[in-house]
Amino acid sequence: MTARQLLPYIISLPPFLLAITVHEVAHGYIAYRKGDHTARLMGRITLNPIKHLDPIGSVLFPLMLAMSGTGIIFGWAKPVPVNSFNFKSPRKDMVSVSLAGPASNLLLAMGFAL
């Protein structure tokens, strides 16, 4: 792969890191607000992307996809630990925690679209 072919992937790296970081922080923050302090105690409510990177899903898999030349790249982060036993309404609060990540990605997308 030439430097010219790598350029789009290099340019897309910061938005990828931002998206997965904000996504996971959103899960942890809402869990914290609902009464579960697990993510905070494990240092996962931080905008430091290193805390959220999964070696396979955030590095190896996207790198393999980039090298394959398909033009499709995706990955994943380490899931934020959540203990639903700490919630007042476990079922309802888990729905809120689960929706927080995708909602944060939608807000990021809308913000960057402006």
C-alpha atoms as a PDB file:
ATOM      1  CA  MET A   1       0.000   0.000   0.000  1.00  0.00           C
ATOM      2  CA  THR A   2       1.365   3.399  -0.940  1.00  0.00           C
ATOM      3  CA  ALA A   3       1.296   6.511   1.226  1.00  0.00           C
ATOM      4  CA  ARG A   4      -1.397   7.962  -1.038  1.00  0.00           C
ATOM      5  CA  GLN A   5      -3.598   4.908  -0.472  1.00  0.00           C
ATOM      6  CA  LEU A   6      -3.063   5.092   3.305  1.00  0.00           C
ATOM      7  CA  LEU A   7      -3.986   8.773   3.579  1.00  0.00           C
ATOM      8  CA  PRO A   8      -7.794   8.283   3.836  1.00  0.00           C
ATOM      9  CA  TYR A   9      -7.282   5.756   6.629  1.00  0.00           C
ATOM     10  CA  ILE A  10      -4.893   8.026   8.495  1.00  0.00           C
ATOM     11  CA  ILE A  11      -7.336  10.920   8.180  1.00  0.00           C
ATOM     12  CA  SER A  12     -10.213   8.780   9.477  1.00  0.00           C
ATOM     13  CA  LEU A  13      -8.287   7.625  12.565  1.00  0.00           C
ATOM     14  CA  PRO A  14      -9.027  10.650  14.832  1.00  0.00           C
ATOM     15  CA  PRO A  15     -12.803  10.582  14.154  1.00  0.00           C
ATOM     16  CA  PHE A  16     -12.810   6.809  14.740  1.00  0.00           C
ATOM     17  CA  LEU A  17     -11.041   7.233  18.095  1.00  0.00           C
ATOM     18  CA  LEU A  18     -13.342  10.098  19.069  1.00  0.00           C
ATOM     19  CA  ALA A  19     -16.474   8.139  18.160  1.00  0.00           C
ATOM     20  CA  ILE A  20     -15.585   5.004  20.110  1.00  0.00           C
ATOM     21  CA  THR A  21     -14.346   7.020  23.088  1.00  0.00           C
ATOM     22  CA  VAL A  22     -17.439   9.216  23.345  1.00  0.00           C
ATOM     23  CA  HIS A  23     -19.666   6.164  22.789  1.00  0.00           C
ATOM     24  CA  GLU A  24     -18.153   4.264  25.719  1.00  0.00           C
ATOM     25  CA  VAL A  25     -17.969   7.322  27.987  1.00  0.00           C
ATOM     26  CA  ALA A  26     -21.682   7.892  27.358  1.00  0.00           C
ATOM     27  CA  HIS A  27     -22.492   4.356  28.535  1.00  0.00           C
ATOM     28  CA  GLY A  28     -20.374   4.802  31.668  1.00  0.00           C
ATOM     29  CA  TYR A  29     -21.646   8.284  32.464  1.00  0.00           C
ATOM     30  CA  ILE A  30     -25.320   7.333  32.241  1.00  0.00           C
ATOM     31  CA  ALA A  31     -24.662   4.225  34.346  1.00  0.00           C
ATOM     32  CA  TYR A  32     -22.960   6.474  36.911  1.00  0.00           C
ATOM     33  CA  ARG A  33     -25.895   8.914  36.880  1.00  0.00           C
ATOM     34  CA  LYS A  34     -28.300   5.995  37.377  1.00  0.00           C
ATOM     35  CA  GLY A  35     -26.381   4.737  40.432  1.00  0.00           C
ATOM     36  CA  ASP A  36     -23.716   2.327  39.150  1.00  0.00           C
ATOM     37  CA  HIS A  37     -20.207   3.561  39.969  1.00  0.00           C
ATOM     38  CA  THR A  38     -18.403   0.558  38.435  1.00  0.00           C
ATOM     39  CA  ALA A  39     -17.167   2.403  35.333  1.00  0.00           C
ATOM     40  CA  ARG A  40     -15.968   5.383  37.371  1.00  0.00           C
ATOM     41  CA  LEU A  41     -14.125   3.163  39.838  1.00  0.00           C
ATOM     42  CA  MET A  42     -12.389   1.393  36.943  1.00  0.00           C
ATOM     43  CA  GLY A  43     -11.353   4.702  35.358  1.00  0.00           C
ATOM     44  CA  ARG A  44     -13.527   4.257  32.283  1.00  0.00           C
ATOM     45  CA  ILE A  45     -15.356   7.593  32.394  1.00  0.00           C
ATOM     46  CA  THR A  46     -12.514   9.387  30.651  1.00  0.00           C
ATOM     47  CA  LEU A  47     -11.927  10.860  27.217  1.00  0.00           C
ATOM     48  CA  ASN A  48      -8.551   9.111  27.071  1.00  0.00           C
ATOM     49  CA  PRO A  49      -9.024   6.749  24.099  1.00  0.00           C
ATOM     50  CA  ILE A  50      -6.354   4.345  25.376  1.00  0.00           C
ATOM     51  CA  LYS A  51      -8.661   3.321  28.235  1.00  0.00           C
ATOM     52  CA  HIS A  52     -11.305   2.250  25.706  1.00  0.00           C
ATOM     53  CA  LEU A  53      -9.241   0.607  22.965  1.00  0.00           C
ATOM     54  CA  ASP A  54      -9.591  -3.113  22.434  1.00  0.00           C
ATOM     55  CA  PRO A  55      -6.408  -4.585  20.905  1.00  0.00           C
ATOM     56  CA  ILE A  56      -8.357  -6.727  18.451  1.00  0.00           C
ATOM     57  CA  GLY A  57     -11.436  -4.595  17.752  1.00  0.00           C
ATOM     58  CA  SER A  58      -9.805  -1.161  17.773  1.00  0.00           C
ATOM     59  CA  VAL A  59      -6.432  -1.922  16.221  1.00  0.00           C
ATOM     60  CA  LEU A  60      -5.959  -5.308  14.551  1.00  0.00           C
ATOM     61  CA  PHE A  61      -9.351  -5.763  12.883  1.00  0.00           C
ATOM     62  CA  PRO A  62      -9.581  -2.230  11.388  1.00  0.00           C
ATOM     63  CA  LEU A  63      -5.950  -2.515  10.260  1.00  0.00           C
ATOM     64  CA  MET A  64      -6.662  -5.835   8.540  1.00  0.00           C
ATOM     65  CA  LEU A  65      -9.704  -4.323   6.812  1.00  0.00           C
ATOM     66  CA  ALA A  66      -7.657  -1.330   5.668  1.00  0.00           C
ATOM     67  CA  MET A  67      -4.949  -3.600   4.278  1.00  0.00           C
ATOM     68  CA  SER A  68      -7.520  -5.736   2.457  1.00  0.00           C
ATOM     69  CA  GLY A  69      -8.475  -2.791   0.256  1.00  0.00           C
ATOM     70  CA  THR A  70     -12.226  -3.311   0.604  1.00  0.00           C
ATOM     71  CA  GLY A  71     -12.783   0.314   1.590  1.00  0.00           C
ATOM     72  CA  ILE A  72     -14.886  -0.786   4.547  1.00  0.00           C
ATOM     73  CA  ILE A  73     -13.501  -0.269   8.018  1.00  0.00           C
ATOM     74  CA  PHE A  74     -15.170  -0.780  11.345  1.00  0.00           C
ATOM     75  CA  GLY A  75     -14.121  -1.754  14.813  1.00  0.00           C
ATOM     76  CA  TRP A  76     -15.161  -1.782  18.418  1.00  0.00           C
ATOM     77  CA  ALA A  77     -13.997  -0.722  21.861  1.00  0.00           C
ATOM     78  CA  LYS A  78     -13.781  -2.502  25.185  1.00  0.00           C
ATOM     79  CA  PRO A  79     -17.280  -2.532  26.663  1.00  0.00           C
ATOM     80  CA  VAL A  80     -17.759  -0.380  29.738  1.00  0.00           C
ATOM     81  CA  PRO A  81     -18.535  -2.535  32.785  1.00  0.00           C
ATOM     82  CA  VAL A  82     -22.039  -2.003  34.128  1.00  0.00           C
ATOM     83  CA  ASN A  83     -23.583  -3.691  37.159  1.00  0.00           C
ATOM     84  CA  SER A  84     -27.365  -3.456  36.869  1.00  0.00           C
ATOM     85  CA  PHE A  85     -27.792  -4.527  40.503  1.00  0.00           C
ATOM     86  CA  ASN A  86     -26.795  -0.972  41.462  1.00  0.00           C
ATOM     87  CA  PHE A  87     -29.725   0.583  39.589  1.00  0.00           C
ATOM     88  CA  LYS A  88     -33.017   1.554  41.223  1.00  0.00           C
ATOM     89  CA  SER A  89     -34.952   0.352  38.167  1.00  0.00           C
ATOM     90  CA  PRO A  90     -32.594  -2.171  36.537  1.00  0.00           C
ATOM     91  CA  ARG A  91     -34.641  -2.861  33.427  1.00  0.00           C
ATOM     92  CA  LYS A  92     -35.416   0.776  32.616  1.00  0.00           C
ATOM     93  CA  ASP A  93     -31.949   2.015  33.566  1.00  0.00           C
ATOM     94  CA  MET A  94     -30.190  -0.613  31.419  1.00  0.00           C
ATOM     95  CA  VAL A  95     -32.211   0.614  28.441  1.00  0.00           C
ATOM     96  CA  SER A  96     -30.986   4.158  29.151  1.00  0.00           C
ATOM     97  CA  VAL A  97     -27.376   2.990  29.472  1.00  0.00           C
ATOM     98  CA  SER A  98     -27.632   0.938  26.282  1.00  0.00           C
ATOM     99  CA  LEU A  99     -29.094   3.810  24.258  1.00  0.00           C
ATOM    100  CA  ALA A 100     -26.552   6.351  25.537  1.00  0.00           C
ATOM    101  CA  GLY A 101     -23.752   5.113  23.257  1.00  0.00           C
ATOM    102  CA  PRO A 102     -25.653   5.226  19.955  1.00  0.00           C
ATOM    103  CA  ALA A 103     -27.264   8.524  20.990  1.00  0.00           C
ATOM    104  CA  SER A 104     -23.820  10.023  21.564  1.00  0.00           C
ATOM    105  CA  ASN A 105     -22.730   8.884  18.098  1.00  0.00           C
ATOM    106  CA  LEU A 106     -25.811  10.498  16.540  1.00  0.00           C
ATOM    107  CA  LEU A 107     -25.093  13.747  18.383  1.00  0.00           C
ATOM    108  CA  LEU A 108     -21.471  13.667  17.210  1.00  0.00           C
ATOM    109  CA  ALA A 109     -22.576  13.067  13.626  1.00  0.00           C
ATOM    110  CA  MET A 110     -25.080  15.920  13.761  1.00  0.00           C
ATOM    111  CA  GLY A 111     -22.487  18.204  15.327  1.00  0.00           C
ATOM    112  CA  PHE A 112     -19.925  17.469  12.628  1.00  0.00           C
ATOM    113  CA  ALA A 113     -22.554  17.823   9.908  1.00  0.00           C
ATOM    114  CA  LEU A 114     -23.198  21.461  10.826  1.00  0.00           C
END
